[in-house]
Amino acid sequence: MAEPPILYSFRRCPYAMRARMGLWIAGEAVALREVKLADKPPELLATSAKGTVPVLDLGEGSVIDESLAIMRWALARSDPEDWLAGEDAELIAEADGPFKHHLDRYKYPNRYEDEADHGEVDHRTQCAAILARWDARLAKEGQMSGPKRSLADIALFPFVRQFANHDRAWFDAQDWPHLRTWLDGHCNSQLFAAIMPKFAVWKAGDPPVVFGPTERALQD
């Protein structure tokens, strides 16, 4: 029996979350290696010089080190909920570009003190403008690309969750009823619960940790 792919992951990383959700819904079992980002194992750096997670090592020199590419790879093999039909490149680019840019500076302002606009841009307000548009979009059918969750929802959800959790009282006070319902639905889903157990940090010589569903898909 062939060895499963190796997934280098970090439980709380939003990029790793969406990769794990894509792998899980596709029914792809992997050997999970939980890493500590402050002390990255040499095996991760040898696999991908970027040194970021997630990284999927398919063996024989084949490596995928972008979260969306990992999702697409898994869903191309099995897409039981038809997530790929709900991919919206423009929406995902907005999330990974402007929204993520302002989210990082809202949550970690001290990391960006050397930037020219430090202290001049209200990054929470910039994020809020994007979230208001997403709330209006969700008002139509409940999910980002229709009535059912899809790749677009899973790509955005971990970052909206990260924003909301930074100041949940402020987030809940905003007039975004559809966004809150959508966020809570994904946070409370069986799928999200399935990909969020805690694992010990991996080190060379540890027995493999098999990560994957016992069934092909979870229906929420």
N, C-alpha and C. Protein backbone atom coordinates (compact mmCIF):
# COMPACT_ATOMS: atom_id res chain seq x y z
N MET A 1 0.84 -1.19 0.00
CA MET A 1 0.00 0.00 0.00
C MET A 1 0.88 1.24 0.00
N ALA A 2 0.58 2.20 -0.87
CA ALA A 2 1.38 3.41 -0.99
C ALA A 2 1.30 4.24 0.28
N GLU A 3 2.41 4.90 0.59
CA GLU A 3 2.42 5.79 1.75
C GLU A 3 1.58 7.03 1.44
N PRO A 4 0.83 7.52 2.44
CA PRO A 4 0.03 8.72 2.18
C PRO A 4 0.91 9.95 2.03
N PRO A 5 0.43 10.99 1.37
CA PRO A 5 1.19 12.24 1.31
C PRO A 5 1.45 12.77 2.71
N ILE A 6 2.48 13.58 2.85
CA ILE A 6 2.83 14.20 4.12
C ILE A 6 2.35 15.65 4.10
N LEU A 7 1.59 16.03 5.12
CA LEU A 7 1.12 17.40 5.23
C LEU A 7 1.79 18.08 6.42
N TYR A 8 2.58 19.11 6.15
CA TYR A 8 3.11 19.96 7.22
C TYR A 8 2.07 21.04 7.49
N SER A 9 1.68 21.14 8.75
CA SER A 9 0.56 22.02 9.10
C SER A 9 0.82 22.67 10.45
N PHE A 10 0.05 23.71 10.72
CA PHE A 10 0.02 24.36 12.04
C PHE A 10 -1.44 24.61 12.34
N ARG A 11 -1.92 24.09 13.43
CA ARG A 11 -3.35 24.03 13.72
C ARG A 11 -4.05 25.37 13.55
N ARG A 12 -3.47 26.45 14.04
CA ARG A 12 -4.16 27.74 14.07
C ARG A 12 -3.91 28.62 12.84
N CYS A 13 -3.12 28.15 11.90
CA CYS A 13 -2.85 28.94 10.70
C CYS A 13 -4.07 28.89 9.77
N PRO A 14 -4.62 30.05 9.39
CA PRO A 14 -5.79 30.04 8.50
C PRO A 14 -5.54 29.35 7.17
N TYR A 15 -4.34 29.52 6.62
CA TYR A 15 -4.02 28.85 5.36
C TYR A 15 -4.04 27.33 5.54
N ALA A 16 -3.47 26.86 6.64
CA ALA A 16 -3.46 25.42 6.90
C ALA A 16 -4.87 24.90 7.17
N MET A 17 -5.69 25.72 7.82
CA MET A 17 -7.07 25.30 8.07
C MET A 17 -7.80 25.00 6.77
N ARG A 18 -7.70 25.91 5.79
CA ARG A 18 -8.47 25.69 4.59
C ARG A 18 -7.90 24.54 3.77
N ALA A 19 -6.60 24.31 3.84
CA ALA A 19 -6.03 23.14 3.18
C ALA A 19 -6.54 21.85 3.82
N ARG A 20 -6.58 21.82 5.15
CA ARG A 20 -7.06 20.61 5.83
C ARG A 20 -8.54 20.36 5.52
N MET A 21 -9.33 21.43 5.43
CA MET A 21 -10.74 21.25 5.10
C MET A 21 -10.91 20.70 3.69
N GLY A 22 -10.10 21.19 2.76
CA GLY A 22 -10.18 20.67 1.41
C GLY A 22 -9.79 19.20 1.34
N LEU A 23 -8.72 18.84 2.02
CA LEU A 23 -8.29 17.44 2.04
C LEU A 23 -9.34 16.55 2.69
N TRP A 24 -9.91 17.05 3.78
CA TRP A 24 -10.88 16.24 4.52
C TRP A 24 -12.14 15.98 3.70
N ILE A 25 -12.69 17.03 3.09
CA ILE A 25 -13.93 16.85 2.36
C ILE A 25 -13.72 15.98 1.13
N ALA A 26 -12.49 15.98 0.60
CA ALA A 26 -12.17 15.15 -0.56
C ALA A 26 -11.88 13.71 -0.17
N GLY A 27 -11.76 13.46 1.12
CA GLY A 27 -11.49 12.10 1.58
C GLY A 27 -10.04 11.69 1.45
N GLU A 28 -9.13 12.67 1.43
CA GLU A 28 -7.71 12.37 1.26
C GLU A 28 -7.03 12.22 2.62
N ALA A 29 -6.56 11.04 2.91
CA ALA A 29 -5.81 10.80 4.15
C ALA A 29 -4.36 11.22 3.94
N VAL A 30 -3.80 11.89 4.93
CA VAL A 30 -2.40 12.33 4.87
C VAL A 30 -1.72 12.00 6.19
N ALA A 31 -0.39 11.98 6.14
CA ALA A 31 0.40 11.86 7.36
C ALA A 31 0.68 13.27 7.84
N LEU A 32 0.02 13.67 8.91
CA LEU A 32 0.09 15.05 9.37
C LEU A 32 1.32 15.26 10.25
N ARG A 33 2.05 16.33 9.95
CA ARG A 33 3.18 16.73 10.78
C ARG A 33 2.91 18.14 11.30
N GLU A 34 2.49 18.24 12.53
CA GLU A 34 2.24 19.53 13.17
C GLU A 34 3.58 20.18 13.47
N VAL A 35 3.74 21.44 13.05
CA VAL A 35 5.02 22.11 13.24
C VAL A 35 4.86 23.30 14.17
N LYS A 36 5.95 23.67 14.79
CA LYS A 36 6.03 24.88 15.57
C LYS A 36 6.72 25.92 14.70
N LEU A 37 6.02 26.99 14.37
CA LEU A 37 6.54 27.94 13.40
C LEU A 37 7.80 28.65 13.89
N ALA A 38 7.95 28.75 15.20
CA ALA A 38 9.15 29.38 15.74
C ALA A 38 10.35 28.44 15.75
N ASP A 39 10.11 27.18 15.45
CA ASP A 39 11.19 26.18 15.45
C ASP A 39 10.88 25.16 14.36
N LYS A 40 11.00 25.60 13.11
CA LYS A 40 10.59 24.76 11.98
C LYS A 40 11.54 23.59 11.81
N PRO A 41 11.01 22.40 11.59
CA PRO A 41 11.88 21.24 11.42
C PRO A 41 12.64 21.32 10.10
N PRO A 42 13.87 20.82 10.06
CA PRO A 42 14.65 20.87 8.82
C PRO A 42 13.97 20.12 7.68
N GLU A 43 13.15 19.12 8.01
CA GLU A 43 12.46 18.37 6.97
C GLU A 43 11.47 19.26 6.20
N LEU A 44 10.81 20.19 6.91
CA LEU A 44 9.91 21.13 6.25
C LEU A 44 10.69 22.04 5.32
N LEU A 45 11.81 22.58 5.80
CA LEU A 45 12.60 23.51 5.00
C LEU A 45 13.23 22.81 3.80
N ALA A 46 13.54 21.53 3.95
CA ALA A 46 14.09 20.78 2.82
C ALA A 46 13.02 20.48 1.78
N THR A 47 11.79 20.38 2.22
CA THR A 47 10.69 20.09 1.31
C THR A 47 10.25 21.33 0.56
N SER A 48 10.18 22.46 1.28
CA SER A 48 9.78 23.73 0.68
C SER A 48 10.62 24.84 1.27
N ALA A 49 11.39 25.50 0.43
CA ALA A 49 12.27 26.56 0.92
C ALA A 49 11.50 27.74 1.49
N LYS A 50 10.20 27.87 1.16
CA LYS A 50 9.40 28.96 1.70
C LYS A 50 9.30 28.88 3.22
N GLY A 51 9.29 27.65 3.73
CA GLY A 51 9.23 27.48 5.17
C GLY A 51 7.91 27.86 5.80
N THR A 52 6.86 27.96 5.00
CA THR A 52 5.53 28.28 5.52
C THR A 52 4.63 27.06 5.39
N VAL A 53 3.53 27.08 6.13
CA VAL A 53 2.55 26.00 6.02
C VAL A 53 1.28 26.56 5.38
N PRO A 54 0.53 25.65 4.74
CA PRO A 54 0.72 24.21 4.63
C PRO A 54 1.65 23.83 3.49
N VAL A 55 2.23 22.66 3.63
CA VAL A 55 3.04 22.05 2.56
C VAL A 55 2.60 20.61 2.44
N LEU A 56 2.28 20.19 1.23
CA LEU A 56 1.87 18.81 0.97
C LEU A 56 2.95 18.15 0.12
N ASP A 57 3.60 17.14 0.71
CA ASP A 57 4.66 16.39 0.03
C ASP A 57 4.03 15.12 -0.54
N LEU A 58 3.91 15.08 -1.86
CA LEU A 58 3.28 13.94 -2.52
C LEU A 58 4.26 12.82 -2.80
N GLY A 59 5.53 13.05 -2.51
CA GLY A 59 6.55 12.03 -2.78
C GLY A 59 7.16 12.18 -4.15
N GLU A 60 8.35 11.60 -4.31
CA GLU A 60 9.07 11.61 -5.58
C GLU A 60 9.30 13.03 -6.11
N GLY A 61 9.53 13.94 -5.18
CA GLY A 61 9.85 15.31 -5.55
C GLY A 61 8.67 16.19 -5.88
N SER A 62 7.46 15.68 -5.74
CA SER A 62 6.26 16.47 -6.04
C SER A 62 5.75 17.12 -4.76
N VAL A 63 5.72 18.47 -4.76
CA VAL A 63 5.36 19.22 -3.56
C VAL A 63 4.37 20.32 -3.94
N ILE A 64 3.35 20.50 -3.10
CA ILE A 64 2.41 21.61 -3.25
C ILE A 64 2.52 22.45 -1.99
N ASP A 65 2.89 23.73 -2.13
CA ASP A 65 3.10 24.54 -0.92
C ASP A 65 2.26 25.81 -0.91
N GLU A 66 1.10 25.75 -1.57
CA GLU A 66 0.11 26.83 -1.48
C GLU A 66 -1.22 26.22 -1.07
N SER A 67 -1.91 26.86 -0.12
CA SER A 67 -3.13 26.28 0.43
C SER A 67 -4.21 26.07 -0.62
N LEU A 68 -4.43 27.05 -1.48
CA LEU A 68 -5.47 26.90 -2.51
C LEU A 68 -5.11 25.80 -3.50
N ALA A 69 -3.83 25.68 -3.81
CA ALA A 69 -3.40 24.62 -4.72
C ALA A 69 -3.62 23.24 -4.09
N ILE A 70 -3.41 23.15 -2.79
CA ILE A 70 -3.67 21.88 -2.10
C ILE A 70 -5.16 21.55 -2.16
N MET A 71 -5.99 22.55 -1.93
CA MET A 71 -7.44 22.33 -2.01
C MET A 71 -7.84 21.87 -3.41
N ARG A 72 -7.33 22.55 -4.43
CA ARG A 72 -7.70 22.20 -5.80
C ARG A 72 -7.20 20.81 -6.16
N TRP A 73 -6.01 20.45 -5.70
CA TRP A 73 -5.48 19.11 -5.97
C TRP A 73 -6.40 18.05 -5.38
N ALA A 74 -6.79 18.24 -4.12
CA ALA A 74 -7.66 17.27 -3.46
C ALA A 74 -9.02 17.20 -4.13
N LEU A 75 -9.60 18.35 -4.44
CA LEU A 75 -10.94 18.39 -5.01
C LEU A 75 -10.96 17.87 -6.45
N ALA A 76 -9.84 17.97 -7.15
CA ALA A 76 -9.77 17.40 -8.49
C ALA A 76 -9.83 15.88 -8.43
N ARG A 77 -9.43 15.31 -7.31
CA ARG A 77 -9.47 13.86 -7.13
C ARG A 77 -10.85 13.40 -6.65
N SER A 78 -11.48 14.22 -5.82
CA SER A 78 -12.82 13.90 -5.33
C SER A 78 -13.46 15.18 -4.80
N ASP A 79 -14.62 15.49 -5.33
CA ASP A 79 -15.31 16.74 -4.97
C ASP A 79 -16.78 16.43 -4.69
N PRO A 80 -17.06 15.74 -3.57
CA PRO A 80 -18.42 15.24 -3.32
C PRO A 80 -19.46 16.33 -3.13
N GLU A 81 -19.04 17.54 -2.73
CA GLU A 81 -20.00 18.64 -2.56
C GLU A 81 -19.92 19.67 -3.68
N ASP A 82 -19.16 19.35 -4.71
CA ASP A 82 -19.04 20.22 -5.88
C ASP A 82 -18.50 21.60 -5.50
N TRP A 83 -17.48 21.61 -4.66
CA TRP A 83 -16.89 22.88 -4.21
C TRP A 83 -16.27 23.67 -5.35
N LEU A 84 -15.66 22.97 -6.30
CA LEU A 84 -14.96 23.69 -7.37
C LEU A 84 -15.92 24.53 -8.21
N ALA A 85 -17.17 24.13 -8.27
CA ALA A 85 -18.15 24.92 -9.03
C ALA A 85 -18.39 26.27 -8.38
N GLY A 86 -18.07 26.38 -7.10
CA GLY A 86 -18.28 27.64 -6.38
C GLY A 86 -17.02 28.45 -6.20
N GLU A 87 -15.98 28.13 -6.96
CA GLU A 87 -14.76 28.93 -6.86
C GLU A 87 -14.99 30.29 -7.53
N ASP A 88 -14.57 31.33 -6.85
CA ASP A 88 -14.69 32.70 -7.37
C ASP A 88 -13.33 33.35 -7.23
N ALA A 89 -12.58 33.38 -8.32
CA ALA A 89 -11.19 33.85 -8.27
C ALA A 89 -11.09 35.29 -7.81
N GLU A 90 -12.02 36.14 -8.23
CA GLU A 90 -11.96 37.56 -7.85
C GLU A 90 -12.22 37.74 -6.36
N LEU A 91 -13.19 37.01 -5.84
CA LEU A 91 -13.51 37.09 -4.42
C LEU A 91 -12.35 36.59 -3.57
N ILE A 92 -11.78 35.46 -3.96
CA ILE A 92 -10.67 34.89 -3.20
C ILE A 92 -9.45 35.81 -3.27
N ALA A 93 -9.23 36.44 -4.41
CA ALA A 93 -8.11 37.39 -4.54
C ALA A 93 -8.31 38.58 -3.62
N GLU A 94 -9.55 39.02 -3.44
CA GLU A 94 -9.82 40.12 -2.51
C GLU A 94 -9.51 39.70 -1.08
N ALA A 95 -9.86 38.45 -0.74
CA ALA A 95 -9.60 37.96 0.61
C ALA A 95 -8.10 37.80 0.87
N ASP A 96 -7.40 37.20 -0.09
CA ASP A 96 -5.98 36.94 0.10
C ASP A 96 -5.12 38.18 -0.11
N GLY A 97 -5.68 39.19 -0.78
CA GLY A 97 -4.94 40.42 -1.04
C GLY A 97 -5.30 41.52 -0.07
N PRO A 98 -6.22 42.41 -0.43
CA PRO A 98 -6.54 43.56 0.44
C PRO A 98 -7.01 43.18 1.84
N PHE A 99 -7.90 42.21 1.94
CA PHE A 99 -8.41 41.88 3.27
C PHE A 99 -7.30 41.35 4.17
N LYS A 100 -6.51 40.42 3.66
CA LYS A 100 -5.42 39.86 4.47
C LYS A 100 -4.39 40.93 4.81
N HIS A 101 -4.11 41.82 3.87
CA HIS A 101 -3.16 42.92 4.13
C HIS A 101 -3.60 43.74 5.34
N HIS A 102 -4.85 44.15 5.35
CA HIS A 102 -5.33 44.99 6.46
C HIS A 102 -5.55 44.17 7.73
N LEU A 103 -5.96 42.92 7.59
CA LEU A 103 -6.14 42.06 8.76
C LEU A 103 -4.83 41.90 9.53
N ASP A 104 -3.75 41.63 8.81
CA ASP A 104 -2.45 41.46 9.48
C ASP A 104 -2.05 42.71 10.25
N ARG A 105 -2.29 43.87 9.68
CA ARG A 105 -1.88 45.13 10.31
C ARG A 105 -2.83 45.54 11.42
N TYR A 106 -4.07 45.08 11.36
CA TYR A 106 -5.03 45.28 12.45
C TYR A 106 -4.67 44.40 13.64
N LYS A 107 -4.34 43.16 13.36
CA LYS A 107 -4.09 42.20 14.45
C LYS A 107 -2.67 42.31 15.01
N TYR A 108 -1.70 42.60 14.16
CA TYR A 108 -0.29 42.62 14.58
C TYR A 108 0.36 43.96 14.23
N PRO A 109 -0.13 45.07 14.75
CA PRO A 109 0.41 46.39 14.34
C PRO A 109 1.89 46.55 14.60
N ASN A 110 2.41 45.93 15.64
CA ASN A 110 3.83 46.11 15.98
C ASN A 110 4.76 45.51 14.93
N ARG A 111 4.24 44.59 14.13
CA ARG A 111 5.08 43.97 13.11
C ARG A 111 5.31 44.89 11.92
N TYR A 112 4.52 45.95 11.83
CA TYR A 112 4.54 46.77 10.62
C TYR A 112 4.86 48.24 10.94
N GLU A 113 5.59 48.46 12.03
CA GLU A 113 5.89 49.82 12.46
C GLU A 113 6.76 50.58 11.47
N ASP A 114 7.52 49.85 10.63
CA ASP A 114 8.43 50.51 9.70
C ASP A 114 7.75 50.90 8.39
N GLU A 115 6.49 50.55 8.22
CA GLU A 115 5.81 50.89 6.97
C GLU A 115 5.49 52.38 6.93
N ALA A 116 5.50 52.93 5.72
CA ALA A 116 5.33 54.37 5.55
C ALA A 116 4.00 54.87 6.09
N ASP A 117 2.97 54.04 5.97
CA ASP A 117 1.64 54.49 6.40
C ASP A 117 1.29 54.03 7.81
N HIS A 118 2.29 53.59 8.57
CA HIS A 118 2.01 53.10 9.93
C HIS A 118 1.34 54.19 10.77
N GLY A 119 0.22 53.86 11.33
CA GLY A 119 -0.50 54.80 12.17
C GLY A 119 -1.43 55.72 11.41
N GLU A 120 -1.35 55.70 10.08
CA GLU A 120 -2.18 56.60 9.28
C GLU A 120 -3.41 55.90 8.70
N VAL A 121 -3.32 54.60 8.53
CA VAL A 121 -4.43 53.84 7.95
C VAL A 121 -5.15 53.08 9.06
N ASP A 122 -6.46 53.22 9.09
CA ASP A 122 -7.27 52.46 10.05
C ASP A 122 -7.57 51.12 9.39
N HIS A 123 -6.77 50.13 9.74
CA HIS A 123 -6.88 48.84 9.05
C HIS A 123 -8.16 48.10 9.41
N ARG A 124 -8.68 48.30 10.60
CA ARG A 124 -9.96 47.67 10.93
C ARG A 124 -11.07 48.23 10.05
N THR A 125 -11.05 49.55 9.81
CA THR A 125 -12.06 50.17 8.96
C THR A 125 -11.95 49.65 7.53
N GLN A 126 -10.73 49.45 7.05
CA GLN A 126 -10.54 48.91 5.71
C GLN A 126 -11.10 47.49 5.60
N CYS A 127 -10.85 46.67 6.62
CA CYS A 127 -11.42 45.31 6.64
C CYS A 127 -12.94 45.38 6.70
N ALA A 128 -13.46 46.30 7.50
CA ALA A 128 -14.90 46.40 7.69
C ALA A 128 -15.62 46.73 6.39
N ALA A 129 -15.01 47.56 5.57
CA ALA A 129 -15.62 47.90 4.29
C ALA A 129 -15.77 46.66 3.41
N ILE A 130 -14.76 45.80 3.43
CA ILE A 130 -14.83 44.56 2.66
C ILE A 130 -15.86 43.62 3.25
N LEU A 131 -15.88 43.50 4.57
CA LEU A 131 -16.83 42.60 5.23
C LEU A 131 -18.28 43.05 4.98
N ALA A 132 -18.51 44.34 4.91
CA ALA A 132 -19.86 44.83 4.63
C ALA A 132 -20.32 44.37 3.24
N ARG A 133 -19.41 44.38 2.28
CA ARG A 133 -19.75 43.89 0.94
C ARG A 133 -20.03 42.39 0.97
N TRP A 134 -19.25 41.67 1.74
CA TRP A 134 -19.47 40.22 1.83
C TRP A 134 -20.80 39.92 2.53
N ASP A 135 -21.16 40.72 3.53
CA ASP A 135 -22.46 40.55 4.19
C ASP A 135 -23.60 40.72 3.19
N ALA A 136 -23.49 41.73 2.34
CA ALA A 136 -24.52 41.96 1.32
C ALA A 136 -24.58 40.80 0.34
N ARG A 137 -23.45 40.26 0.01
CA ARG A 137 -23.40 39.11 -0.90
C ARG A 137 -24.08 37.89 -0.27
N LEU A 138 -23.82 37.67 1.01
CA LEU A 138 -24.41 36.53 1.71
C LEU A 138 -25.91 36.67 1.89
N ALA A 139 -26.41 37.89 1.86
CA ALA A 139 -27.85 38.12 2.03
C ALA A 139 -28.66 37.46 0.91
N LYS A 140 -28.01 37.22 -0.23
CA LYS A 140 -28.74 36.69 -1.38
C LYS A 140 -29.08 35.22 -1.22
N GLU A 141 -28.07 34.39 -0.89
CA GLU A 141 -28.32 32.95 -0.85
C GLU A 141 -27.73 32.24 0.36
N GLY A 142 -27.03 32.97 1.22
CA GLY A 142 -26.54 32.38 2.45
C GLY A 142 -25.09 31.94 2.44
N GLN A 143 -24.56 31.63 1.25
CA GLN A 143 -23.15 31.29 1.10
C GLN A 143 -22.55 32.19 0.03
N MET A 144 -21.25 32.16 -0.11
CA MET A 144 -20.58 33.12 -0.98
C MET A 144 -20.89 32.92 -2.46
N SER A 145 -21.12 31.68 -2.86
CA SER A 145 -21.34 31.39 -4.28
C SER A 145 -22.62 30.60 -4.52
N GLY A 146 -23.62 30.83 -3.69
CA GLY A 146 -24.87 30.10 -3.86
C GLY A 146 -25.42 29.64 -2.53
N PRO A 147 -26.34 28.70 -2.55
CA PRO A 147 -26.98 28.25 -1.31
C PRO A 147 -26.17 27.23 -0.52
N LYS A 148 -25.11 26.66 -1.13
CA LYS A 148 -24.32 25.63 -0.46
C LYS A 148 -22.87 26.08 -0.31
N ARG A 149 -22.20 25.58 0.72
CA ARG A 149 -20.79 25.93 0.91
C ARG A 149 -19.97 25.42 -0.28
N SER A 150 -18.92 26.16 -0.56
CA SER A 150 -18.07 25.82 -1.70
C SER A 150 -16.64 26.25 -1.39
N LEU A 151 -15.79 26.14 -2.38
CA LEU A 151 -14.40 26.50 -2.19
C LEU A 151 -14.26 27.96 -1.75
N ALA A 152 -15.08 28.84 -2.29
CA ALA A 152 -14.99 30.26 -1.92
C ALA A 152 -15.26 30.45 -0.43
N ASP A 153 -16.25 29.78 0.11
CA ASP A 153 -16.57 29.91 1.53
C ASP A 153 -15.41 29.42 2.40
N ILE A 154 -14.87 28.26 2.05
CA ILE A 154 -13.81 27.67 2.87
C ILE A 154 -12.53 28.49 2.74
N ALA A 155 -12.30 29.09 1.58
CA ALA A 155 -11.11 29.92 1.40
C ALA A 155 -11.17 31.18 2.26
N LEU A 156 -12.36 31.76 2.41
CA LEU A 156 -12.52 33.01 3.15
C LEU A 156 -12.72 32.80 4.65
N PHE A 157 -13.41 31.75 5.00
CA PHE A 157 -13.88 31.58 6.38
C PHE A 157 -12.78 31.69 7.44
N PRO A 158 -11.62 31.02 7.30
CA PRO A 158 -10.62 31.11 8.38
C PRO A 158 -10.14 32.53 8.65
N PHE A 159 -10.12 33.38 7.62
CA PHE A 159 -9.64 34.75 7.80
C PHE A 159 -10.71 35.65 8.42
N VAL A 160 -11.97 35.41 8.07
CA VAL A 160 -13.05 36.14 8.74
C VAL A 160 -13.09 35.75 10.21
N ARG A 161 -12.91 34.48 10.49
CA ARG A 161 -12.87 34.00 11.87
C ARG A 161 -11.74 34.68 12.64
N GLN A 162 -10.59 34.79 12.02
CA GLN A 162 -9.44 35.42 12.66
C GLN A 162 -9.74 36.89 12.97
N PHE A 163 -10.34 37.58 12.02
CA PHE A 163 -10.70 38.97 12.24
C PHE A 163 -11.71 39.09 13.38
N ALA A 164 -12.76 38.29 13.35
CA ALA A 164 -13.82 38.37 14.36
C ALA A 164 -13.28 38.09 15.76
N ASN A 165 -12.40 37.12 15.88
CA ASN A 165 -11.91 36.72 17.19
C ASN A 165 -10.95 37.73 17.80
N HIS A 166 -10.42 38.63 17.00
CA HIS A 166 -9.49 39.63 17.55
C HIS A 166 -10.22 40.58 18.49
N ASP A 167 -11.46 40.90 18.18
CA ASP A 167 -12.29 41.73 19.06
C ASP A 167 -13.74 41.31 18.80
N ARG A 168 -14.15 40.21 19.42
CA ARG A 168 -15.44 39.64 19.10
C ARG A 168 -16.59 40.55 19.51
N ALA A 169 -16.45 41.27 20.59
CA ALA A 169 -17.52 42.18 21.01
C ALA A 169 -17.75 43.26 19.95
N TRP A 170 -16.67 43.82 19.42
CA TRP A 170 -16.81 44.83 18.37
C TRP A 170 -17.43 44.21 17.11
N PHE A 171 -16.95 43.04 16.73
CA PHE A 171 -17.47 42.37 15.53
C PHE A 171 -18.96 42.12 15.67
N ASP A 172 -19.39 41.59 16.82
CA ASP A 172 -20.80 41.27 17.01
C ASP A 172 -21.68 42.51 17.04
N ALA A 173 -21.09 43.66 17.33
CA ALA A 173 -21.87 44.90 17.38
C ALA A 173 -22.12 45.50 15.99
N GLN A 174 -21.46 44.96 14.97
CA GLN A 174 -21.62 45.50 13.63
C GLN A 174 -22.91 44.99 12.98
N ASP A 175 -23.41 45.74 12.04
CA ASP A 175 -24.65 45.38 11.35
C ASP A 175 -24.36 44.44 10.18
N TRP A 176 -23.89 43.25 10.54
CA TRP A 176 -23.55 42.24 9.55
C TRP A 176 -24.26 40.93 9.90
N PRO A 177 -25.56 40.89 9.90
CA PRO A 177 -26.28 39.69 10.36
C PRO A 177 -26.00 38.46 9.50
N HIS A 178 -25.89 38.66 8.21
CA HIS A 178 -25.68 37.51 7.32
C HIS A 178 -24.27 36.97 7.47
N LEU A 179 -23.31 37.85 7.65
CA LEU A 179 -21.92 37.43 7.84
C LEU A 179 -21.77 36.67 9.15
N ARG A 180 -22.41 37.15 10.22
CA ARG A 180 -22.32 36.45 11.51
C ARG A 180 -22.95 35.07 11.42
N THR A 181 -24.10 34.97 10.78
CA THR A 181 -24.76 33.67 10.64
C THR A 181 -23.87 32.72 9.84
N TRP A 182 -23.31 33.23 8.77
CA TRP A 182 -22.41 32.42 7.93
C TRP A 182 -21.18 31.98 8.72
N LEU A 183 -20.56 32.91 9.44
CA LEU A 183 -19.37 32.58 10.22
C LEU A 183 -19.68 31.55 11.29
N ASP A 184 -20.75 31.77 12.03
CA ASP A 184 -21.11 30.83 13.09
C ASP A 184 -21.41 29.45 12.52
N GLY A 185 -22.06 29.41 11.36
CA GLY A 185 -22.36 28.13 10.74
C GLY A 185 -21.10 27.35 10.41
N HIS A 186 -20.11 28.02 9.87
CA HIS A 186 -18.86 27.33 9.53
C HIS A 186 -18.06 26.98 10.79
N CYS A 187 -18.05 27.86 11.77
CA CYS A 187 -17.34 27.57 13.02
C CYS A 187 -17.93 26.36 13.74
N ASN A 188 -19.24 26.19 13.64
CA ASN A 188 -19.92 25.12 14.35
C ASN A 188 -20.15 23.88 13.50
N SER A 189 -19.58 23.84 12.32
CA SER A 189 -19.79 22.72 11.42
C SER A 189 -19.01 21.49 11.87
N GLN A 190 -19.50 20.33 11.48
CA GLN A 190 -18.78 19.09 11.73
C GLN A 190 -17.42 19.10 11.03
N LEU A 191 -17.40 19.69 9.86
CA LEU A 191 -16.15 19.74 9.09
C LEU A 191 -15.08 20.49 9.86
N PHE A 192 -15.40 21.66 10.38
CA PHE A 192 -14.40 22.45 11.09
C PHE A 192 -13.96 21.73 12.36
N ALA A 193 -14.90 21.13 13.07
CA ALA A 193 -14.53 20.37 14.27
C ALA A 193 -13.58 19.22 13.92
N ALA A 194 -13.80 18.61 12.78
CA ALA A 194 -13.00 17.45 12.39
C ALA A 194 -11.56 17.81 12.09
N ILE A 195 -11.31 19.03 11.62
CA ILE A 195 -9.94 19.37 11.21
C ILE A 195 -9.19 20.16 12.29
N MET A 196 -9.81 20.34 13.47
CA MET A 196 -9.19 21.17 14.50
C MET A 196 -8.72 20.43 15.77
N PRO A 197 -8.58 19.10 15.77
CA PRO A 197 -8.02 18.50 16.99
C PRO A 197 -6.58 18.94 17.20
N LYS A 198 -6.13 18.86 18.45
CA LYS A 198 -4.77 19.25 18.76
C LYS A 198 -3.84 18.06 18.61
N PHE A 199 -2.70 18.29 18.00
CA PHE A 199 -1.69 17.27 17.84
C PHE A 199 -0.38 17.76 18.42
N ALA A 200 0.41 16.83 18.94
CA ALA A 200 1.74 17.19 19.44
C ALA A 200 2.61 17.64 18.27
N VAL A 201 3.55 18.52 18.56
CA VAL A 201 4.49 18.97 17.54
C VAL A 201 5.32 17.78 17.07
N TRP A 202 5.40 17.63 15.75
CA TRP A 202 6.11 16.49 15.17
C TRP A 202 7.61 16.67 15.25
N LYS A 203 8.29 15.55 15.45
CA LYS A 203 9.75 15.54 15.34
C LYS A 203 10.16 14.24 14.65
N ALA A 204 11.30 14.27 14.02
CA ALA A 204 11.78 13.10 13.28
C ALA A 204 11.80 11.86 14.17
N GLY A 205 11.30 10.77 13.65
CA GLY A 205 11.24 9.52 14.39
C GLY A 205 9.91 9.25 15.03
N ASP A 206 9.03 10.26 15.10
CA ASP A 206 7.69 10.04 15.65
C ASP A 206 6.88 9.13 14.73
N PRO A 207 6.00 8.31 15.32
CA PRO A 207 5.12 7.50 14.47
C PRO A 207 4.19 8.42 13.68
N PRO A 208 3.79 8.01 12.49
CA PRO A 208 2.94 8.88 11.66
C PRO A 208 1.57 9.10 12.29
N VAL A 209 1.06 10.30 12.13
CA VAL A 209 -0.30 10.64 12.55
C VAL A 209 -1.16 10.72 11.30
N VAL A 210 -2.07 9.77 11.16
CA VAL A 210 -2.92 9.75 9.97
C VAL A 210 -4.08 10.71 10.19
N PHE A 211 -4.19 11.65 9.28
CA PHE A 211 -5.25 12.66 9.34
C PHE A 211 -6.15 12.47 8.12
N GLY A 212 -7.44 12.24 8.39
CA GLY A 212 -8.37 12.08 7.28
C GLY A 212 -9.68 11.49 7.77
N PRO A 213 -10.72 11.62 6.98
CA PRO A 213 -12.05 11.15 7.39
C PRO A 213 -12.19 9.65 7.24
N THR A 214 -13.09 9.10 8.00
CA THR A 214 -13.42 7.69 7.86
C THR A 214 -14.45 7.50 6.74
N GLU A 215 -15.13 8.59 6.38
CA GLU A 215 -16.06 8.57 5.26
C GLU A 215 -15.60 9.60 4.24
N ARG A 216 -16.15 9.54 3.05
CA ARG A 216 -15.70 10.40 1.98
C ARG A 216 -16.03 11.87 2.23
N ALA A 217 -17.11 12.14 2.95
CA ALA A 217 -17.51 13.53 3.15
C ALA A 217 -18.35 13.66 4.39
N LEU A 218 -18.35 14.86 4.94
CA LEU A 218 -19.23 15.20 6.05
C LEU A 218 -20.35 16.07 5.53
N GLN A 219 -21.56 15.75 5.89
CA GLN A 219 -22.71 16.55 5.49
C GLN A 219 -23.19 17.36 6.69
N ASP A 220 -23.16 18.68 6.59
CA ASP A 220 -23.63 19.54 7.69
C ASP A 220 -25.01 20.05 7.37
